[in-house]
Protein backbone atom coordinates (compact mmCIF):
# COMPACT_ATOMS: atom_id res chain seq x y z
CA MET A 1 2.09 -26.32 -22.61
CA LYS A 2 3.68 -26.13 -26.14
CA SER A 3 5.06 -29.20 -27.77
CA ASP A 4 8.54 -29.73 -28.78
CA LYS A 5 7.67 -28.90 -32.32
CA GLU A 6 6.11 -25.65 -31.54
CA THR A 7 8.95 -24.22 -29.65
CA ASN A 8 11.56 -25.86 -32.15
CA GLN A 9 13.35 -27.51 -29.81
CA PRO A 10 15.89 -29.86 -31.13
CA PRO A 11 15.48 -33.49 -30.49
CA MET A 12 19.10 -33.32 -28.77
CA PHE A 13 17.26 -32.27 -25.73
CA ARG A 14 15.97 -35.62 -24.89
CA ASP A 15 17.76 -38.91 -25.22
CA GLU A 16 16.40 -42.48 -26.48
CA SER A 17 14.65 -43.10 -23.23
CA GLY A 18 12.78 -39.53 -23.02
CA GLN A 19 15.15 -38.15 -20.53
CA ARG A 20 16.67 -34.58 -20.50
CA PRO A 21 20.34 -33.94 -20.20
CA THR A 22 19.92 -32.09 -17.05
CA GLN A 23 19.03 -35.61 -15.38
CA LYS A 24 22.63 -36.62 -16.40
CA ILE A 25 24.49 -33.68 -15.13
CA PHE A 26 22.35 -33.79 -11.89
CA THR A 27 23.29 -37.27 -11.60
CA GLU A 28 26.88 -37.20 -12.40
CA VAL A 29 27.40 -33.82 -10.61
CA PRO A 30 31.04 -32.39 -12.02
CA PRO A 31 33.22 -31.35 -9.42
CA LYS A 32 32.98 -27.81 -10.55
CA TYR A 33 29.11 -27.78 -10.23
CA ASP A 34 28.58 -25.30 -7.38
CA ILE A 35 31.58 -23.16 -8.83
CA LEU A 36 29.86 -23.06 -12.04
CA ASN A 37 26.73 -21.66 -10.65
CA ARG A 38 29.00 -18.84 -9.02
CA ILE A 39 30.75 -18.06 -12.12
CA LEU A 40 27.77 -17.96 -14.72
CA THR A 41 25.59 -15.79 -12.66
CA LEU A 42 28.58 -13.57 -11.44
CA ASN A 43 27.86 -14.66 -7.98
CA LEU A 44 24.37 -13.16 -7.85
CA ASP A 45 23.03 -16.63 -7.36
CA GLU A 46 23.59 -16.53 -3.59
CA GLY A 47 22.18 -13.09 -3.00
CA TRP A 48 19.10 -14.39 -4.80
CA ARG A 49 18.98 -17.26 -2.51
CA ARG A 50 19.17 -15.58 0.73
CA LYS A 51 16.13 -13.47 -0.42
CA THR A 52 14.17 -16.67 -1.13
CA ALA A 53 14.88 -17.96 2.30
CA VAL A 54 13.73 -14.88 3.88
CA LYS A 55 10.44 -15.24 2.02
CA VAL A 56 10.26 -18.85 2.85
CA LEU A 57 10.52 -18.33 6.54
CA GLN A 58 8.22 -15.45 6.46
CA ASN A 59 5.28 -17.03 7.74
CA LYS A 60 7.39 -18.58 10.81
CA PRO A 61 6.79 -22.06 9.39
CA GLU A 62 7.24 -24.94 11.62
CA ARG A 63 8.37 -27.36 8.76
CA VAL A 64 10.10 -26.43 5.54
CA LEU A 65 10.82 -28.28 2.65
CA ASP A 66 13.53 -27.57 -0.02
CA LEU A 67 12.10 -28.90 -3.16
CA CYS A 68 15.14 -30.48 -5.56
CA CYS A 69 17.60 -28.98 -3.23
CA GLY A 70 20.54 -30.10 -5.20
CA THR A 71 23.39 -29.56 -3.36
CA ALA A 72 21.65 -27.69 -0.54
CA ASP A 73 22.49 -24.19 -1.53
CA LEU A 74 19.01 -22.96 -0.70
CA THR A 75 18.98 -25.14 2.21
CA MET A 76 22.08 -23.66 3.71
CA HIS A 77 20.30 -19.87 3.74
CA ILE A 78 17.10 -21.44 5.22
CA ALA A 79 19.22 -23.61 7.85
CA LYS A 80 21.08 -19.99 9.13
CA ASP A 81 17.96 -18.08 9.47
CA ALA A 82 15.45 -20.52 10.72
CA PRO A 83 14.76 -20.96 14.31
CA GLU A 84 16.13 -24.43 15.84
CA SER A 85 12.55 -25.51 16.45
CA THR A 86 11.88 -25.40 12.70
CA ALA A 87 11.98 -28.98 11.06
CA LEU A 88 13.76 -28.57 7.90
CA TYR A 89 13.95 -31.06 4.72
CA GLY A 90 15.49 -31.41 1.37
CA LEU A 91 14.33 -33.80 -1.44
CA ASP A 92 16.37 -34.42 -4.68
CA PHE A 93 16.25 -37.53 -7.19
CA SER A 94 19.96 -37.30 -7.20
CA HIS A 95 21.93 -39.63 -4.84
CA THR A 96 25.23 -37.85 -5.81
CA MET A 97 23.87 -34.39 -5.48
CA LEU A 98 22.41 -35.55 -1.69
CA GLU A 99 26.06 -36.87 -0.93
CA ARG A 100 27.29 -33.37 -1.44
CA ALA A 101 24.53 -32.14 0.23
CA LYS A 102 25.04 -33.90 3.48
CA GLU A 103 28.50 -32.56 3.40
CA LYS A 104 27.21 -29.06 3.60
CA VAL A 105 24.51 -29.26 5.97
CA ALA A 106 26.78 -31.29 8.32
CA VAL A 107 27.91 -27.79 9.89
CA PHE A 108 24.53 -27.42 11.32
CA GLY A 109 24.96 -30.62 13.44
CA GLU A 110 23.49 -34.04 12.75
CA GLY A 111 19.78 -34.52 11.97
CA ARG A 112 19.17 -30.70 11.74
CA VAL A 113 18.35 -30.87 8.10
CA LYS A 114 16.44 -34.11 6.89
CA LEU A 115 17.81 -34.90 3.04
CA ILE A 116 15.87 -37.46 1.55
CA GLN A 117 15.97 -38.87 -2.06
CA GLY A 118 12.87 -38.87 -3.78
CA ASP A 119 10.48 -38.03 -6.88
CA ALA A 120 9.09 -34.61 -7.03
CA GLY A 121 5.96 -35.85 -8.48
CA ASN A 122 5.37 -38.60 -5.72
CA MET A 123 6.71 -37.03 -2.96
CA PRO A 124 6.62 -39.40 0.56
CA PHE A 125 5.22 -37.00 2.83
CA GLU A 126 1.59 -36.60 4.45
CA ASP A 127 -1.01 -34.33 3.03
CA ASN A 128 -1.01 -30.74 4.38
CA TYR A 129 2.59 -31.49 5.87
CA PHE A 130 4.70 -28.04 5.23
CA ASP A 131 4.15 -24.69 5.98
CA SER A 132 6.49 -23.48 3.25
CA VAL A 133 8.17 -25.14 0.36
CA GLY A 134 10.96 -23.39 -1.49
CA ILE A 135 12.67 -24.26 -4.62
CA SER A 136 15.90 -22.55 -6.24
CA PHE A 137 16.21 -23.06 -10.02
CA GLY A 138 14.72 -26.12 -10.12
CA PHE A 139 10.99 -25.29 -11.08
CA ARG A 140 12.08 -24.52 -14.49
CA ASN A 141 13.28 -28.39 -15.02
CA LEU A 142 9.94 -29.35 -13.40
CA THR A 143 7.74 -27.47 -15.69
CA PHE A 144 9.50 -26.42 -18.92
CA GLU A 145 8.21 -28.76 -21.74
CA ASN A 146 7.47 -31.33 -19.22
CA PRO A 147 4.54 -33.65 -19.55
CA ASP A 148 4.67 -34.13 -16.00
CA ALA A 149 4.56 -30.12 -14.88
CA ALA A 150 0.71 -30.31 -13.78
CA LEU A 151 1.65 -33.29 -11.42
CA HIS A 152 4.56 -31.66 -10.04
CA ILE A 153 2.57 -28.29 -9.28
CA SER A 154 -0.15 -30.44 -7.68
CA GLU A 155 2.11 -32.52 -5.35
CA VAL A 156 3.38 -29.10 -3.97
CA LEU A 157 -0.43 -28.22 -3.53
CA ARG A 158 -0.88 -31.67 -1.86
CA VAL A 159 1.76 -31.02 0.53
CA LEU A 160 1.69 -27.70 1.71
CA LYS A 161 -1.00 -26.55 4.40
CA PRO A 162 -3.78 -24.57 3.56
CA GLY A 163 -2.18 -20.86 3.71
CA GLY A 164 1.11 -22.33 3.08
CA ARG A 165 3.79 -20.58 0.83
CA PHE A 166 5.35 -22.16 -2.18
CA VAL A 167 8.58 -19.79 -2.74
CA ILE A 168 10.16 -20.01 -5.95
CA VAL A 169 13.66 -18.65 -7.25
CA GLU A 170 13.89 -19.24 -11.26
CA THR A 171 14.96 -17.41 -14.50
CA SER A 172 12.37 -15.42 -15.74
CA GLN A 173 11.98 -12.95 -18.96
CA PRO A 174 12.84 -9.23 -18.78
CA LYS A 175 10.19 -6.96 -19.81
CA ASN A 176 12.67 -4.56 -21.53
CA LYS A 177 13.24 -5.72 -25.27
CA VAL A 178 16.96 -4.74 -25.30
CA ILE A 179 17.75 -6.20 -21.58
CA ARG A 180 15.95 -9.26 -22.89
CA SER A 181 18.06 -9.55 -25.87
CA LEU A 182 21.24 -9.02 -23.91
CA TYR A 183 20.07 -11.66 -21.55
CA HIS A 184 19.29 -14.33 -24.20
CA PHE A 185 22.41 -13.53 -25.79
CA TYR A 186 24.28 -14.30 -22.61
CA GLN A 187 22.52 -17.57 -22.14
CA LYS A 188 23.23 -18.76 -25.75
CA PHE A 189 26.88 -17.44 -26.26
CA ILE A 190 28.03 -17.53 -22.69
CA THR A 191 26.47 -19.97 -20.38
CA ALA A 192 25.89 -22.97 -23.11
CA PRO A 193 29.73 -22.90 -24.34
CA LEU A 194 31.40 -21.79 -20.93
CA GLY A 195 29.06 -24.01 -18.76
CA GLY A 196 29.77 -26.91 -21.29
CA LEU A 197 33.61 -26.46 -21.62
CA ILE A 198 34.12 -26.57 -17.97
CA SER A 199 31.81 -29.12 -16.85
CA GLY A 200 32.47 -31.45 -19.76
CA ASN A 201 28.71 -31.97 -20.38
CA ARG A 202 27.89 -29.71 -23.61
CA GLU A 203 24.53 -31.21 -23.99
CA ALA A 204 23.12 -30.13 -20.48
CA TYR A 205 24.01 -26.70 -20.73
CA ASN A 206 22.50 -26.05 -24.08
CA TYR A 207 19.59 -27.28 -22.72
CA LEU A 208 19.74 -25.15 -19.59
CA ALA A 209 20.64 -22.11 -21.82
CA TYR A 210 17.66 -22.76 -24.18
CA SER A 211 15.20 -23.33 -21.43
CA ALA A 212 15.95 -20.20 -19.94
CA ASN A 213 15.55 -18.07 -23.14
CA HIS A 214 12.23 -19.93 -23.51
CA TYR A 215 10.86 -19.98 -19.95
CA TYR A 216 7.96 -17.99 -18.44
CA SER A 217 7.75 -14.59 -17.64
CA ILE A 218 6.40 -13.60 -14.19
CA PRO A 219 2.92 -13.10 -15.43
CA GLU A 220 2.86 -16.62 -17.06
CA ILE A 221 4.11 -18.29 -14.06
CA SER A 222 1.83 -16.73 -12.12
CA LYS A 223 -0.95 -17.91 -14.17
CA LEU A 224 0.48 -21.42 -14.61
CA LEU A 225 0.28 -21.73 -10.68
CA LEU A 226 -3.13 -19.75 -10.24
CA ASP A 227 -4.85 -22.01 -12.75
CA ALA A 228 -3.24 -24.98 -10.68
CA GLY A 229 -4.98 -24.22 -7.76
CA PHE A 230 -2.79 -21.58 -5.70
CA SER A 231 -5.17 -18.88 -4.29
CA LYS A 232 -2.45 -15.92 -4.56
CA VAL A 233 0.80 -15.48 -6.57
CA GLU A 234 2.91 -12.49 -6.13
CA GLY A 235 6.35 -11.91 -8.41
CA PHE A 236 9.17 -9.96 -7.63
CA PRO A 237 12.05 -9.46 -10.56
CA LEU A 238 15.55 -9.95 -9.87
CA MET A 239 18.46 -8.34 -12.03
CA MET A 240 16.13 -6.34 -14.43
CA GLY A 241 13.74 -9.34 -14.64
CA ALA A 242 16.12 -11.95 -15.93
CA THR A 243 15.62 -13.87 -12.68
CA ALA A 244 12.60 -13.66 -10.48
CA ILE A 245 11.06 -14.72 -6.93
CA VAL A 246 7.64 -16.02 -7.06
CA VAL A 247 5.65 -16.46 -3.90
CA ALA A 248 2.28 -18.58 -4.46
CA VAL A 249 -0.11 -19.03 -1.62
CA LYS A 250 -2.28 -22.24 -1.28
């Protein structure tokens, strides 16, 4: 991984304790958090999550984890499509995020989805526990300029059964230079200022835009996962490559 110095990451992207501004926004959860996701992605993110849920369930899993589940957007799509016999779990470090998630998943009945507050680097599950793990727009925060990136990936490998699937939907880098430039412009001059204005947390959305513009392409994220120990990785570009679904098999 490159250091902050190598990527010219401004010091503002970490506070005195070393935490990132995203940790603050995910803890505070501004009232318009979900609405902002819809606005900033032009409501395309819900379609991306639906496609992700299909791939999460493609191997007919008995147990599924939504890692960094947040307010349970991906969990909701998985729960809608999964058979009743499929055990569903959501894990997130933010108590306030999980409180909102509980309100959403309540429509499926008590106990249908088990929501757990926990650390992605030290998950409270046995080895080889899940058939599938999904993550929607959380993998970037676990791996971008993160000294614990290897730990986070190794934990996913640990809790996955042999042959299990890790399905990621995340920002990516368009191959076309013109599209990539337009995408970077949108992140810097639309996502950052608009997200900061509406949420009241400018620092967090500056970070989110910056990290999106400097995050991995599909080949780069594939190499990261293969080097970590996954046996097979396949990428599916969305929105001309600005977003991607990546499926890694243990």
